[in-house]
Amino acid sequence: MKVSSPQDAEIIVQKLSSDIGIHRNPRKGTLNAPEKILEDYKPSKKVLVDEVFPDEFSLENTHRRIEANTEELTEYDIPLLSLGGDHSVSYPVIQALKRKNPDMKLVWLDAHLDLKEKVKNHVSHDVVVRELLKRGFSRDEVYFVGITEIDHDEEAFIGDQDFSVYGPQEVEDFLREFRKNEQPVYLSVDIDVLDEKEAPGTGYPDGKLSVNTVKQVINTVEPDHADLVEVAPSLDTKSKTVDNSRKIVSELEKILTE
């Protein structure tokens, strides 16, 4: 059920319709994803749908808007589920939540590390975690799950540092080893973590996981806040990606409000 006031809501869905954080790949299309995912979505909880409109000429301004909006929404102490958009929209959301929850962990469910070095001041979708590590997160607070692709510059950045990186064959290890304890957790789900057969509609279809495995991760992590990003409806096949995105959103909604 959709409600119009945060006081009546059990969860807030934040629509972040932006794709200007993608600059190394012509396979764009995430701009309309939040609208498309929510089009036929029927929430089981009381949901307030909020939206941040991007500055189509400035990624920096867009991030400022998202961060300011997220800060406002955190005042209600309600679980926040953000829908992108490309993965760069997660950056200002996570920054705002980390300030409010300094001990917050981050689980990065993605086929990619997103540890690349930024170009100038452009916090694009593929540099987000590297930037977050400069702004409050320590490496032992970050868990990478479902990783299939690591670029050379990311390998150089990691070096001999002890990052928690789990490939598709190591997800079971993560499920056994992860302990939430008392710390809040943010879960960021890039749809490209799914196998291309289940999510063809994304810019970098490099994933190997199933929807059921993603659901297992969600239930193990029990996030306090989460996002789903990188769905590109214009690249989709028979609505497979959008349909599976709704399944993931439904699972997130259930766990976030328990």
Protein backbone atom coordinates (compact mmCIF):
# COMPACT_ATOMS: atom_id res chain seq x y z
CA MET A 1 0.00 0.00 0.00
CA LYS A 2 1.35 3.42 -0.95
CA VAL A 3 1.03 6.20 1.62
CA SER A 4 1.60 9.94 1.35
CA SER A 5 3.22 10.66 4.70
CA PRO A 6 6.45 9.26 6.24
CA GLN A 7 4.63 9.06 9.57
CA ASP A 8 2.34 6.43 8.03
CA ALA A 9 5.10 4.51 6.22
CA GLU A 10 6.89 1.30 7.16
CA ILE A 11 9.50 1.81 4.44
CA ILE A 12 10.56 4.65 2.13
CA VAL A 13 11.38 3.94 -1.51
CA GLN A 14 13.62 6.61 -2.99
CA LYS A 15 13.55 6.86 -6.79
CA LEU A 16 16.93 7.97 -8.17
CA SER A 17 16.45 8.22 -11.92
CA SER A 18 19.91 9.10 -13.20
CA ASP A 19 22.36 7.55 -15.65
CA ILE A 20 24.94 10.34 -15.93
CA GLY A 21 27.32 8.39 -13.69
CA ILE A 22 28.10 6.09 -16.61
CA HIS A 23 30.84 7.49 -18.81
CA ARG A 24 32.91 4.52 -20.02
CA ASN A 25 30.10 2.50 -21.56
CA PRO A 26 27.63 3.35 -24.36
CA ARG A 27 25.17 0.74 -23.01
CA LYS A 28 23.14 3.22 -20.98
CA GLY A 29 19.47 2.92 -20.15
CA THR A 30 19.06 3.07 -16.37
CA LEU A 31 17.30 6.44 -16.40
CA ASN A 32 13.78 4.99 -16.53
CA ALA A 33 14.42 1.95 -14.33
CA PRO A 34 12.79 3.15 -11.07
CA GLU A 35 9.57 4.07 -12.85
CA LYS A 36 9.52 0.80 -14.79
CA ILE A 37 10.22 -1.37 -11.75
CA LEU A 38 7.49 0.30 -9.70
CA GLU A 39 5.00 0.36 -12.60
CA ASP A 40 3.40 -2.99 -11.75
CA TYR A 41 4.88 -3.45 -8.31
CA LYS A 42 2.42 -4.10 -5.51
CA PRO A 43 4.04 -3.52 -2.11
CA SER A 44 2.92 -5.62 0.84
CA LYS A 45 3.88 -2.91 3.34
CA LYS A 46 2.99 0.75 3.79
CA VAL A 47 5.37 2.45 1.36
CA LEU A 48 6.14 6.11 0.86
CA VAL A 49 7.55 6.68 -2.63
CA ASP A 50 9.92 9.63 -2.79
CA GLU A 51 11.90 10.92 -5.77
CA VAL A 52 15.03 12.95 -6.44
CA PHE A 53 15.19 14.55 -9.87
CA PRO A 54 18.69 14.69 -11.38
CA ASP A 55 20.55 17.67 -12.77
CA GLU A 56 21.01 16.23 -16.24
CA PHE A 57 24.06 18.43 -16.82
CA SER A 58 25.92 17.78 -13.56
CA LEU A 59 26.63 14.53 -11.75
CA GLU A 60 28.04 16.49 -8.81
CA ASN A 61 24.81 18.49 -8.40
CA THR A 62 22.78 15.32 -8.75
CA HIS A 63 24.77 13.70 -5.96
CA ARG A 64 24.26 16.78 -3.77
CA ARG A 65 20.50 16.56 -4.28
CA ILE A 66 20.45 12.85 -3.45
CA GLU A 67 22.60 13.30 -0.36
CA ALA A 68 20.46 16.16 0.97
CA ASN A 69 17.26 14.20 0.34
CA THR A 70 18.65 11.11 2.02
CA GLU A 71 19.66 13.16 5.07
CA GLU A 72 16.09 14.43 5.34
CA LEU A 73 14.64 10.93 5.05
CA THR A 74 16.92 9.49 7.74
CA GLU A 75 15.24 11.75 10.29
CA TYR A 76 12.20 9.45 10.22
CA ASP A 77 14.18 6.33 11.27
CA ILE A 78 12.45 4.23 8.64
CA PRO A 79 14.21 1.70 6.39
CA LEU A 80 15.26 3.27 3.10
CA LEU A 81 15.24 1.42 -0.21
CA SER A 82 16.76 3.40 -3.08
CA LEU A 83 16.13 2.50 -6.72
CA GLY A 84 18.58 3.61 -9.40
CA GLY A 85 19.75 4.64 -11.82
CA ASP A 86 23.37 3.75 -12.31
CA HIS A 87 25.50 2.69 -9.36
CA SER A 88 26.87 6.19 -8.78
CA VAL A 89 23.56 7.13 -7.10
CA SER A 90 24.48 4.83 -4.22
CA TYR A 91 27.45 7.02 -3.32
CA PRO A 92 25.58 10.02 -1.82
CA VAL A 93 22.98 7.76 -0.18
CA ILE A 94 25.61 5.67 1.58
CA GLN A 95 27.59 8.76 2.59
CA ALA A 96 24.54 10.29 4.29
CA LEU A 97 23.68 7.04 6.08
CA LYS A 98 27.29 6.45 7.17
CA ARG A 99 27.37 9.83 8.86
CA LYS A 100 24.24 8.92 10.80
CA ASN A 101 25.51 5.37 11.50
CA PRO A 102 29.33 5.56 11.83
CA ASP A 103 29.68 1.81 12.47
CA MET A 104 27.61 0.81 9.40
CA LYS A 105 28.90 -2.07 7.30
CA LEU A 106 28.57 -2.24 3.51
CA VAL A 107 27.77 -5.37 1.50
CA TRP A 108 28.45 -4.80 -2.21
CA LEU A 109 26.50 -7.42 -4.19
CA ASP A 110 27.89 -6.86 -7.66
CA ALA A 111 29.83 -8.50 -10.46
CA HIS A 112 32.37 -5.66 -10.12
CA LEU A 113 34.39 -4.16 -7.28
CA ASP A 114 33.84 -0.55 -8.39
CA LEU A 115 37.27 0.32 -7.00
CA LYS A 116 38.53 2.12 -10.07
CA GLU A 117 40.25 5.48 -9.77
CA LYS A 118 38.01 8.43 -10.55
CA VAL A 119 38.59 10.71 -13.52
CA LYS A 120 38.93 14.31 -12.28
CA ASN A 121 36.09 14.76 -9.75
CA HIS A 122 33.68 12.44 -11.54
CA VAL A 123 32.36 9.92 -8.99
CA SER A 124 31.08 7.55 -11.63
CA HIS A 125 29.42 4.18 -11.11
CA ASP A 126 32.71 2.24 -11.21
CA VAL A 127 34.62 4.21 -8.54
CA VAL A 128 32.04 4.34 -5.76
CA VAL A 129 33.59 1.96 -3.22
CA ARG A 130 37.07 3.42 -3.68
CA GLU A 131 35.65 6.86 -2.84
CA LEU A 132 33.68 5.52 0.13
CA LEU A 133 36.90 4.05 1.53
CA LYS A 134 38.25 7.61 1.62
CA ARG A 135 35.17 8.86 3.45
CA GLY A 136 34.51 6.82 6.54
CA PHE A 137 34.64 3.14 5.61
CA SER A 138 37.51 0.88 6.58
CA ARG A 139 38.26 -2.15 4.44
CA ASP A 140 37.06 -4.55 7.13
CA GLU A 141 33.60 -2.94 6.99
CA VAL A 142 33.16 -3.73 3.27
CA TYR A 143 32.17 -7.10 1.80
CA PHE A 144 32.22 -7.74 -1.96
CA VAL A 145 29.94 -10.60 -3.04
CA GLY A 146 29.44 -12.13 -6.49
CA ILE A 147 32.54 -10.58 -8.07
CA THR A 148 33.50 -11.90 -11.52
CA GLU A 149 35.55 -9.05 -13.02
CA ILE A 150 38.55 -7.25 -11.48
CA ASP A 151 40.42 -4.67 -13.56
CA HIS A 152 44.19 -4.24 -13.44
CA ASP A 153 44.02 -0.89 -11.64
CA GLU A 154 41.72 -2.45 -9.05
CA GLU A 155 44.19 -5.30 -8.53
CA ALA A 156 46.93 -2.73 -8.02
CA PHE A 157 44.77 -0.82 -5.52
CA ILE A 158 43.94 -3.95 -3.52
CA GLY A 159 47.55 -5.15 -3.50
CA ASP A 160 48.12 -7.28 -0.43
CA GLN A 161 45.36 -5.61 1.58
CA ASP A 162 42.96 -8.02 3.20
CA PHE A 163 39.67 -7.20 1.47
CA SER A 164 36.68 -9.53 1.83
CA VAL A 165 36.00 -10.56 -1.78
CA TYR A 166 33.73 -13.48 -2.63
CA GLY A 167 33.31 -14.76 -6.18
CA PRO A 168 30.23 -16.64 -7.41
CA GLN A 169 31.63 -19.97 -6.22
CA GLU A 170 32.35 -18.51 -2.77
CA VAL A 171 28.90 -17.13 -1.92
CA GLU A 172 28.27 -20.11 0.37
CA ASP A 173 31.42 -19.14 2.27
CA PHE A 174 30.06 -15.62 2.68
CA LEU A 175 26.70 -16.93 3.90
CA ARG A 176 28.49 -19.00 6.56
CA GLU A 177 31.02 -16.37 7.59
CA PHE A 178 29.03 -13.13 7.63
CA ARG A 179 28.00 -11.91 11.06
CA LYS A 180 25.80 -8.85 11.37
CA ASN A 181 26.26 -8.52 15.14
CA GLU A 182 24.88 -5.20 16.39
CA GLN A 183 26.18 -3.08 13.54
CA PRO A 184 23.77 -1.66 10.95
CA VAL A 185 24.28 -2.91 7.40
CA TYR A 186 23.74 -1.32 4.01
CA LEU A 187 23.22 -3.72 1.10
CA SER A 188 23.83 -2.44 -2.42
CA VAL A 189 22.51 -4.74 -5.15
CA ASP A 190 23.75 -4.21 -8.70
CA ILE A 191 21.47 -6.18 -10.99
CA ASP A 192 24.51 -7.18 -13.06
CA VAL A 193 25.43 -9.64 -10.29
CA LEU A 194 22.77 -11.90 -11.83
CA ASP A 195 23.58 -14.26 -14.67
CA GLU A 196 22.91 -12.67 -18.06
CA LYS A 197 20.09 -15.17 -18.66
CA GLU A 198 18.27 -13.68 -15.68
CA ALA A 199 19.30 -10.05 -16.21
CA PRO A 200 20.19 -9.21 -19.83
CA GLY A 201 19.05 -5.61 -19.36
CA THR A 202 22.12 -4.03 -17.81
CA GLY A 203 25.25 -2.27 -18.99
CA TYR A 204 27.80 -4.90 -17.95
CA PRO A 205 26.10 -8.34 -17.90
CA ASP A 206 29.02 -10.13 -16.23
CA GLY A 207 27.27 -11.78 -13.28
CA LYS A 208 26.83 -15.46 -12.48
CA LEU A 209 24.32 -15.54 -9.60
CA SER A 210 20.68 -16.61 -9.60
CA VAL A 211 17.77 -14.64 -8.14
CA ASN A 212 17.46 -17.28 -5.42
CA THR A 213 21.09 -16.80 -4.42
CA VAL A 214 20.57 -13.04 -4.22
CA LYS A 215 17.58 -13.68 -1.97
CA GLN A 216 19.76 -15.89 0.25
CA VAL A 217 22.28 -13.06 0.59
CA ILE A 218 19.50 -10.60 1.47
CA ASN A 219 18.18 -12.92 4.18
CA THR A 220 21.64 -13.52 5.62
CA VAL A 221 22.68 -9.87 5.62
CA GLU A 222 19.36 -8.59 7.02
CA PRO A 223 20.13 -5.04 5.84
CA ASP A 224 18.89 -1.93 7.59
CA HIS A 225 18.90 0.01 4.29
CA ALA A 226 19.47 -1.09 0.72
CA ASP A 227 19.45 -0.17 -2.94
CA LEU A 228 18.94 -1.81 -6.32
CA VAL A 229 20.72 -0.28 -9.30
CA GLU A 230 21.89 -0.67 -12.92
CA VAL A 231 18.62 -2.01 -14.39
CA ALA A 232 18.38 -0.86 -18.00
CA PRO A 233 14.86 -1.52 -19.34
CA SER A 234 15.80 -0.41 -22.86
CA LEU A 235 18.36 -3.25 -23.01
CA ASP A 236 16.03 -5.84 -21.51
CA THR A 237 14.70 -9.02 -23.13
CA LYS A 238 11.05 -9.91 -22.56
CA SER A 239 11.11 -7.90 -19.31
CA LYS A 240 13.31 -10.53 -17.63
CA THR A 241 15.51 -8.01 -15.84
CA VAL A 242 12.65 -5.82 -14.68
CA ASP A 243 10.63 -8.82 -13.49
CA ASN A 244 13.58 -10.22 -11.53
CA SER A 245 14.25 -6.77 -10.13
CA ARG A 246 10.73 -6.72 -8.72
CA LYS A 247 11.37 -10.08 -7.05
CA ILE A 248 14.49 -8.66 -5.42
CA VAL A 249 12.69 -5.47 -4.37
CA SER A 250 9.93 -7.60 -2.85
CA GLU A 251 12.49 -9.59 -0.85
CA LEU A 252 14.25 -6.42 0.27
CA GLU A 253 10.94 -4.87 1.33
CA LYS A 254 10.13 -7.94 3.42
CA ILE A 255 13.51 -8.10 5.18
CA LEU A 256 13.88 -4.35 5.69
CA THR A 257 10.56 -4.15 7.52
CA GLU A 258 10.92 -7.24 9.73
